[in-house]
Amino acid sequence: MRLNNSDHIPRRYEQMKDRELVHLFRKKDDQLAFQELMNRHQAKIYSYIYSMIQNRETANDIFQETFTKVITKMDDTYNEQGKWIAWVMRIAHNATIDHIRKQKRFVDVSSSYDEESKTDFYERLPDEGTPGQHDQLELDESTSRLLKHIGNLPEEQRTVVMLRHYYEMPFKEIAELTDVSINTALGRMRYALINLRKMFDEEHEKESNKV
């Protein structure tokens, strides 16, 4: 999802920090500064919304709503001492959760602790850093399966997985964003990993039975 993308943003904007770009946009109405912020962060913000909604048209609408609010609220509600992207993520998160609750789209997945598990789910995934060309198709398939199973998690678990694993947000910020304690956020992540492992194990068992 790329909106208002431009190939003509001067290189000096790319070298600026987020806070510098935010300051230019707020104080000087510098549209190129805001465009650079969009280019940096919109893909992950959209991916977070889509992973929670699982509907591209609705995700597009929420994404547009998010950045409309960002533009209109940057003058009066954003504190430049904080992280701009964390502030934007809170707006995106709240808009997404509001939609989910209105639609009552909750998925009930049982959670049971696996005493025999010695590693969490992510330790079993392939390294996404520098995959070889012959591994790319397998990696793409693993990512697709992962996103599908994340979509089947309960809302609270789905949220923490996406914020932590995909957006690399610290648990302290996740707790603040979702208005829970750090222990609660950690607990949701723990049960999410257990559920994801269970889903992958069940999928593997079904595939084995077909052979």
C-alpha atoms as a PDB file:
ATOM      1  CA  MET A   1       0.000   0.000   0.000  1.00  0.00           C
ATOM      2  CA  ARG A   2       1.714   3.166  -1.220  1.00  0.00           C
ATOM      3  CA  LEU A   3      -0.218   6.434  -1.191  1.00  0.00           C
ATOM      4  CA  ASN A   4       0.882   9.761  -2.681  1.00  0.00           C
ATOM      5  CA  ASN A   5       4.253   8.272  -3.457  1.00  0.00           C
ATOM      6  CA  SER A   6       6.810  10.510  -5.149  1.00  0.00           C
ATOM      7  CA  ASP A   7      10.109   9.700  -6.770  1.00  0.00           C
ATOM      8  CA  HIS A   8      11.222  13.322  -6.571  1.00  0.00           C
ATOM      9  CA  ILE A   9      11.802  13.820  -2.861  1.00  0.00           C
ATOM     10  CA  PRO A  10      15.228  15.447  -2.395  1.00  0.00           C
ATOM     11  CA  ARG A  11      17.816  13.158  -0.869  1.00  0.00           C
ATOM     12  CA  ARG A  12      18.296  15.475   2.108  1.00  0.00           C
ATOM     13  CA  TYR A  13      14.815  14.509   3.341  1.00  0.00           C
ATOM     14  CA  GLU A  14      15.752  10.832   3.315  1.00  0.00           C
ATOM     15  CA  GLN A  15      18.686  11.607   5.578  1.00  0.00           C
ATOM     16  CA  MET A  16      16.569  13.421   8.180  1.00  0.00           C
ATOM     17  CA  LYS A  17      15.256  11.827  11.366  1.00  0.00           C
ATOM     18  CA  ASP A  18      11.512  11.489  11.899  1.00  0.00           C
ATOM     19  CA  ARG A  19      11.419  14.280  14.464  1.00  0.00           C
ATOM     20  CA  GLU A  20      13.095  16.667  12.000  1.00  0.00           C
ATOM     21  CA  LEU A  21      10.563  15.840   9.299  1.00  0.00           C
ATOM     22  CA  VAL A  22       7.680  16.239  11.732  1.00  0.00           C
ATOM     23  CA  HIS A  23       8.990  19.643  12.785  1.00  0.00           C
ATOM     24  CA  LEU A  24       9.227  20.811   9.170  1.00  0.00           C
ATOM     25  CA  PHE A  25       5.688  19.714   8.436  1.00  0.00           C
ATOM     26  CA  ARG A  26       4.190  21.226  11.584  1.00  0.00           C
ATOM     27  CA  LYS A  27       6.042  24.532  11.521  1.00  0.00           C
ATOM     28  CA  LYS A  28       6.490  25.122   7.796  1.00  0.00           C
ATOM     29  CA  ASP A  29       3.772  22.975   6.240  1.00  0.00           C
ATOM     30  CA  ASP A  30       6.497  21.148   4.311  1.00  0.00           C
ATOM     31  CA  GLN A  31       4.581  18.556   2.270  1.00  0.00           C
ATOM     32  CA  LEU A  32       7.729  16.775   1.134  1.00  0.00           C
ATOM     33  CA  ALA A  33       8.662  16.198   4.770  1.00  0.00           C
ATOM     34  CA  PHE A  34       5.319  14.518   5.403  1.00  0.00           C
ATOM     35  CA  GLN A  35       5.645  12.495   2.202  1.00  0.00           C
ATOM     36  CA  GLU A  36       8.981  11.143   3.400  1.00  0.00           C
ATOM     37  CA  LEU A  37       7.389  10.122   6.699  1.00  0.00           C
ATOM     38  CA  MET A  38       4.677   8.328   4.736  1.00  0.00           C
ATOM     39  CA  ASN A  39       7.222   6.561   2.535  1.00  0.00           C
ATOM     40  CA  ARG A  40       9.096   5.309   5.584  1.00  0.00           C
ATOM     41  CA  HIS A  41       6.213   3.956   7.601  1.00  0.00           C
ATOM     42  CA  GLN A  42       3.030   3.453   5.613  1.00  0.00           C
ATOM     43  CA  ALA A  43       3.772  -0.106   4.454  1.00  0.00           C
ATOM     44  CA  LYS A  44       4.107  -1.465   7.979  1.00  0.00           C
ATOM     45  CA  ILE A  45       1.146   0.530   9.276  1.00  0.00           C
ATOM     46  CA  TYR A  46      -1.034  -0.776   6.460  1.00  0.00           C
ATOM     47  CA  SER A  47       0.219  -4.329   7.015  1.00  0.00           C
ATOM     48  CA  TYR A  48      -0.690  -4.108  10.693  1.00  0.00           C
ATOM     49  CA  ILE A  49      -4.214  -2.902   9.861  1.00  0.00           C
ATOM     50  CA  TYR A  50      -4.669  -5.564   7.189  1.00  0.00           C
ATOM     51  CA  SER A  51      -3.432  -8.359   9.452  1.00  0.00           C
ATOM     52  CA  MET A  52      -6.077  -7.393  11.992  1.00  0.00           C
ATOM     53  CA  ILE A  53      -8.931  -6.903   9.503  1.00  0.00           C
ATOM     54  CA  GLN A  54      -8.157  -9.531   6.816  1.00  0.00           C
ATOM     55  CA  ASN A  55     -10.031  -7.463   4.223  1.00  0.00           C
ATOM     56  CA  ARG A  56      -8.145  -5.297   1.767  1.00  0.00           C
ATOM     57  CA  GLU A  57     -10.927  -2.820   1.002  1.00  0.00           C
ATOM     58  CA  THR A  58     -11.688  -2.233   4.678  1.00  0.00           C
ATOM     59  CA  ALA A  59      -7.982  -2.002   5.503  1.00  0.00           C
ATOM     60  CA  ASN A  60      -7.620   0.668   2.812  1.00  0.00           C
ATOM     61  CA  ASP A  61     -10.466   2.653   4.368  1.00  0.00           C
ATOM     62  CA  ILE A  62      -8.986   2.436   7.873  1.00  0.00           C
ATOM     63  CA  PHE A  63      -5.556   3.353   6.541  1.00  0.00           C
ATOM     64  CA  GLN A  64      -6.993   6.456   4.864  1.00  0.00           C
ATOM     65  CA  GLU A  65      -8.907   7.313   8.038  1.00  0.00           C
ATOM     66  CA  THR A  66      -5.729   6.928  10.088  1.00  0.00           C
ATOM     67  CA  PHE A  67      -3.684   9.369   8.026  1.00  0.00           C
ATOM     68  CA  THR A  68      -6.551  11.816   7.751  1.00  0.00           C
ATOM     69  CA  LYS A  69      -6.586  11.926  11.548  1.00  0.00           C
ATOM     70  CA  VAL A  70      -2.787  12.156  11.645  1.00  0.00           C
ATOM     71  CA  ILE A  71      -2.773  15.213   9.387  1.00  0.00           C
ATOM     72  CA  THR A  72      -5.601  16.967  11.224  1.00  0.00           C
ATOM     73  CA  LYS A  73      -4.313  16.218  14.723  1.00  0.00           C
ATOM     74  CA  MET A  74      -0.595  16.871  14.324  1.00  0.00           C
ATOM     75  CA  ASP A  75      -1.030  20.546  15.153  1.00  0.00           C
ATOM     76  CA  ASP A  76      -2.804  20.129  18.466  1.00  0.00           C
ATOM     77  CA  THR A  77      -2.411  16.644  19.948  1.00  0.00           C
ATOM     78  CA  TYR A  78       1.068  15.475  18.960  1.00  0.00           C
ATOM     79  CA  ASN A  79       3.907  16.108  21.413  1.00  0.00           C
ATOM     80  CA  GLU A  80       7.188  16.383  19.525  1.00  0.00           C
ATOM     81  CA  GLN A  81       9.017  14.981  22.538  1.00  0.00           C
ATOM     82  CA  GLY A  82       7.522  11.567  21.847  1.00  0.00           C
ATOM     83  CA  LYS A  83       8.011   9.152  18.957  1.00  0.00           C
ATOM     84  CA  TRP A  84       5.879  10.158  15.997  1.00  0.00           C
ATOM     85  CA  ILE A  85       5.437   6.608  14.710  1.00  0.00           C
ATOM     86  CA  ALA A  86       4.247   5.365  18.121  1.00  0.00           C
ATOM     87  CA  TRP A  87       1.639   8.142  18.100  1.00  0.00           C
ATOM     88  CA  VAL A  88       0.520   7.174  14.583  1.00  0.00           C
ATOM     89  CA  MET A  89       0.358   3.506  15.556  1.00  0.00           C
ATOM     90  CA  ARG A  90      -1.959   4.362  18.450  1.00  0.00           C
ATOM     91  CA  ILE A  91      -4.315   6.130  16.016  1.00  0.00           C
ATOM     92  CA  ALA A  92      -4.191   3.172  13.594  1.00  0.00           C
ATOM     93  CA  HIS A  93      -4.667   0.665  16.418  1.00  0.00           C
ATOM     94  CA  ASN A  94      -7.666   2.505  17.884  1.00  0.00           C
ATOM     95  CA  ALA A  95      -9.331   2.853  14.473  1.00  0.00           C
ATOM     96  CA  THR A  96      -8.769  -0.836  13.759  1.00  0.00           C
ATOM     97  CA  ILE A  97     -10.067  -2.045  17.120  1.00  0.00           C
ATOM     98  CA  ASP A  98     -13.114   0.221  16.834  1.00  0.00           C
ATOM     99  CA  HIS A  99     -13.958  -1.418  13.509  1.00  0.00           C
ATOM    100  CA  ILE A 100     -13.419  -4.943  14.829  1.00  0.00           C
ATOM    101  CA  ARG A 101     -15.652  -4.342  17.826  1.00  0.00           C
ATOM    102  CA  LYS A 102     -18.377  -2.812  15.679  1.00  0.00           C
ATOM    103  CA  GLN A 103     -18.311  -5.834  13.391  1.00  0.00           C
ATOM    104  CA  LYS A 104     -17.926  -8.235  16.344  1.00  0.00           C
ATOM    105  CA  ARG A 105     -15.228 -10.093  14.460  1.00  0.00           C
ATOM    106  CA  PHE A 106     -13.651 -12.132  17.213  1.00  0.00           C
ATOM    107  CA  VAL A 107     -12.085 -15.543  16.779  1.00  0.00           C
ATOM    108  CA  ASP A 108     -12.028 -17.970  19.703  1.00  0.00           C
ATOM    109  CA  VAL A 109      -8.868 -20.075  19.742  1.00  0.00           C
ATOM    110  CA  SER A 110      -8.220 -22.272  22.766  1.00  0.00           C
ATOM    111  CA  SER A 111      -5.025 -21.620  24.740  1.00  0.00           C
ATOM    112  CA  SER A 112      -3.243 -24.414  26.551  1.00  0.00           C
ATOM    113  CA  TYR A 113       0.342 -24.372  27.773  1.00  0.00           C
ATOM    114  CA  ASP A 114       2.640 -26.917  26.137  1.00  0.00           C
ATOM    115  CA  GLU A 115       4.875 -28.283  28.874  1.00  0.00           C
ATOM    116  CA  GLU A 116       7.022 -30.149  26.333  1.00  0.00           C
ATOM    117  CA  SER A 117       7.848 -27.042  24.301  1.00  0.00           C
ATOM    118  CA  LYS A 118      11.475 -25.983  24.664  1.00  0.00           C
ATOM    119  CA  THR A 119      11.465 -23.312  21.923  1.00  0.00           C
ATOM    120  CA  ASP A 120       8.952 -20.722  20.862  1.00  0.00           C
ATOM    121  CA  PHE A 121       7.376 -20.581  17.403  1.00  0.00           C
ATOM    122  CA  TYR A 122       9.661 -17.940  15.943  1.00  0.00           C
ATOM    123  CA  GLU A 123      12.758 -20.008  16.619  1.00  0.00           C
ATOM    124  CA  ARG A 124      11.410 -22.487  14.094  1.00  0.00           C
ATOM    125  CA  LEU A 125      11.007 -19.948  11.289  1.00  0.00           C
ATOM    126  CA  PRO A 126      13.672 -19.567   8.579  1.00  0.00           C
ATOM    127  CA  ASP A 127      16.090 -16.640   8.868  1.00  0.00           C
ATOM    128  CA  GLU A 128      14.523 -13.698   7.036  1.00  0.00           C
ATOM    129  CA  GLY A 129      17.717 -11.692   6.934  1.00  0.00           C
ATOM    130  CA  THR A 130      19.423 -12.739   3.700  1.00  0.00           C
ATOM    131  CA  PRO A 131      17.611 -15.729   2.165  1.00  0.00           C
ATOM    132  CA  GLY A 132      19.203 -17.431  -0.807  1.00  0.00           C
ATOM    133  CA  GLN A 133      17.371 -17.361  -4.094  1.00  0.00           C
ATOM    134  CA  HIS A 134      16.473 -21.046  -3.872  1.00  0.00           C
ATOM    135  CA  ASP A 135      14.901 -20.424  -0.438  1.00  0.00           C
ATOM    136  CA  GLN A 136      12.732 -17.479  -1.467  1.00  0.00           C
ATOM    137  CA  LEU A 137       9.641 -19.431  -2.515  1.00  0.00           C
ATOM    138  CA  GLU A 138       9.726 -21.454   0.686  1.00  0.00           C
ATOM    139  CA  LEU A 139      10.162 -18.277   2.710  1.00  0.00           C
ATOM    140  CA  ASP A 140       7.226 -16.583   0.944  1.00  0.00           C
ATOM    141  CA  GLU A 141       5.052 -19.608   1.662  1.00  0.00           C
ATOM    142  CA  SER A 142       6.065 -19.615   5.329  1.00  0.00           C
ATOM    143  CA  THR A 143       5.244 -15.904   5.613  1.00  0.00           C
ATOM    144  CA  SER A 144       1.856 -16.437   3.965  1.00  0.00           C
ATOM    145  CA  ARG A 145       1.023 -19.280   6.331  1.00  0.00           C
ATOM    146  CA  LEU A 146       2.181 -17.255   9.321  1.00  0.00           C
ATOM    147  CA  LEU A 147      -0.072 -14.307   8.438  1.00  0.00           C
ATOM    148  CA  LYS A 148      -3.000 -16.661   7.863  1.00  0.00           C
ATOM    149  CA  HIS A 149      -2.607 -18.228  11.314  1.00  0.00           C
ATOM    150  CA  ILE A 150      -2.055 -14.852  12.982  1.00  0.00           C
ATOM    151  CA  GLY A 151      -5.411 -13.830  11.503  1.00  0.00           C
ATOM    152  CA  ASN A 152      -7.033 -16.709  13.403  1.00  0.00           C
ATOM    153  CA  LEU A 153      -5.749 -15.578  16.789  1.00  0.00           C
ATOM    154  CA  PRO A 154      -8.007 -13.755  19.247  1.00  0.00           C
ATOM    155  CA  GLU A 155      -7.894  -9.991  18.824  1.00  0.00           C
ATOM    156  CA  GLU A 156      -5.675  -9.338  21.871  1.00  0.00           C
ATOM    157  CA  GLN A 157      -3.098 -11.957  20.858  1.00  0.00           C
ATOM    158  CA  ARG A 158      -3.153 -10.938  17.198  1.00  0.00           C
ATOM    159  CA  THR A 159      -2.427  -7.349  18.195  1.00  0.00           C
ATOM    160  CA  VAL A 160       0.613  -8.090  20.337  1.00  0.00           C
ATOM    161  CA  VAL A 161       2.123 -10.494  17.786  1.00  0.00           C
ATOM    162  CA  MET A 162       1.909  -7.970  14.961  1.00  0.00           C
ATOM    163  CA  LEU A 163       3.209  -5.079  17.047  1.00  0.00           C
ATOM    164  CA  ARG A 164       6.105  -7.106  18.458  1.00  0.00           C
ATOM    165  CA  HIS A 165       7.151  -9.386  15.616  1.00  0.00           C
ATOM    166  CA  TYR A 166       6.283  -7.331  12.549  1.00  0.00           C
ATOM    167  CA  TYR A 167       6.624  -3.783  13.827  1.00  0.00           C
ATOM    168  CA  GLU A 168       9.407  -4.621  16.335  1.00  0.00           C
ATOM    169  CA  MET A 169       7.757  -2.539  19.052  1.00  0.00           C
ATOM    170  CA  PRO A 170       9.104  -2.962  22.626  1.00  0.00           C
ATOM    171  CA  PHE A 171       6.714  -4.602  25.099  1.00  0.00           C
ATOM    172  CA  LYS A 172       6.654  -1.403  27.146  1.00  0.00           C
ATOM    173  CA  GLU A 173       5.231   0.501  24.160  1.00  0.00           C
ATOM    174  CA  ILE A 174       2.851  -2.357  23.311  1.00  0.00           C
ATOM    175  CA  ALA A 175       1.509  -2.234  26.865  1.00  0.00           C
ATOM    176  CA  GLU A 176       1.017   1.522  26.651  1.00  0.00           C
ATOM    177  CA  LEU A 177      -0.620   1.314  23.232  1.00  0.00           C
ATOM    178  CA  THR A 178      -3.102  -1.375  24.301  1.00  0.00           C
ATOM    179  CA  ASP A 179      -3.664   0.050  27.807  1.00  0.00           C
ATOM    180  CA  VAL A 180      -2.523  -3.054  29.698  1.00  0.00           C
ATOM    181  CA  SER A 181       0.371  -3.911  31.996  1.00  0.00           C
ATOM    182  CA  ILE A 182       3.644  -5.241  30.604  1.00  0.00           C
ATOM    183  CA  ASN A 183       2.932  -8.605  32.244  1.00  0.00           C
ATOM    184  CA  THR A 184      -0.400  -8.799  30.456  1.00  0.00           C
ATOM    185  CA  ALA A 185       1.229  -7.968  27.120  1.00  0.00           C
ATOM    186  CA  LEU A 186       3.883 -10.630  27.739  1.00  0.00           C
ATOM    187  CA  GLY A 187       1.199 -13.138  28.683  1.00  0.00           C
ATOM    188  CA  ARG A 188      -0.742 -12.469  25.497  1.00  0.00           C
ATOM    189  CA  MET A 189       2.409 -12.988  23.461  1.00  0.00           C
ATOM    190  CA  ARG A 190       3.109 -16.254  25.279  1.00  0.00           C
ATOM    191  CA  TYR A 191      -0.353 -17.664  24.545  1.00  0.00           C
ATOM    192  CA  ALA A 192      -0.217 -16.368  20.970  1.00  0.00           C
ATOM    193  CA  LEU A 193       3.002 -18.304  20.362  1.00  0.00           C
ATOM    194  CA  ILE A 194       1.479 -21.435  21.901  1.00  0.00           C
ATOM    195  CA  ASN A 195      -1.582 -21.099  19.669  1.00  0.00           C
ATOM    196  CA  LEU A 196       0.519 -20.459  16.565  1.00  0.00           C
ATOM    197  CA  ARG A 197       2.640 -23.498  17.252  1.00  0.00           C
ATOM    198  CA  LYS A 198      -0.498 -25.566  17.724  1.00  0.00           C
ATOM    199  CA  MET A 199      -1.910 -24.310  14.402  1.00  0.00           C
ATOM    200  CA  PHE A 200       1.290 -25.126  12.523  1.00  0.00           C
ATOM    201  CA  ASP A 201       1.530 -28.564  14.153  1.00  0.00           C
ATOM    202  CA  GLU A 202      -2.076 -29.339  13.202  1.00  0.00           C
ATOM    203  CA  GLU A 203      -1.419 -28.118   9.656  1.00  0.00           C
ATOM    204  CA  HIS A 204       1.688 -30.293   9.411  1.00  0.00           C
ATOM    205  CA  GLU A 205      -0.238 -33.317  10.727  1.00  0.00           C
ATOM    206  CA  LYS A 206      -2.978 -32.829   8.123  1.00  0.00           C
ATOM    207  CA  GLU A 207      -0.389 -32.577   5.340  1.00  0.00           C
ATOM    208  CA  SER A 208       1.346 -35.724   6.603  1.00  0.00           C
ATOM    209  CA  ASN A 209      -1.930 -37.651   6.589  1.00  0.00           C
ATOM    210  CA  LYS A 210      -2.468 -36.746   2.947  1.00  0.00           C
ATOM    211  CA  VAL A 211       0.820 -38.361   1.923  1.00  0.00           C
END
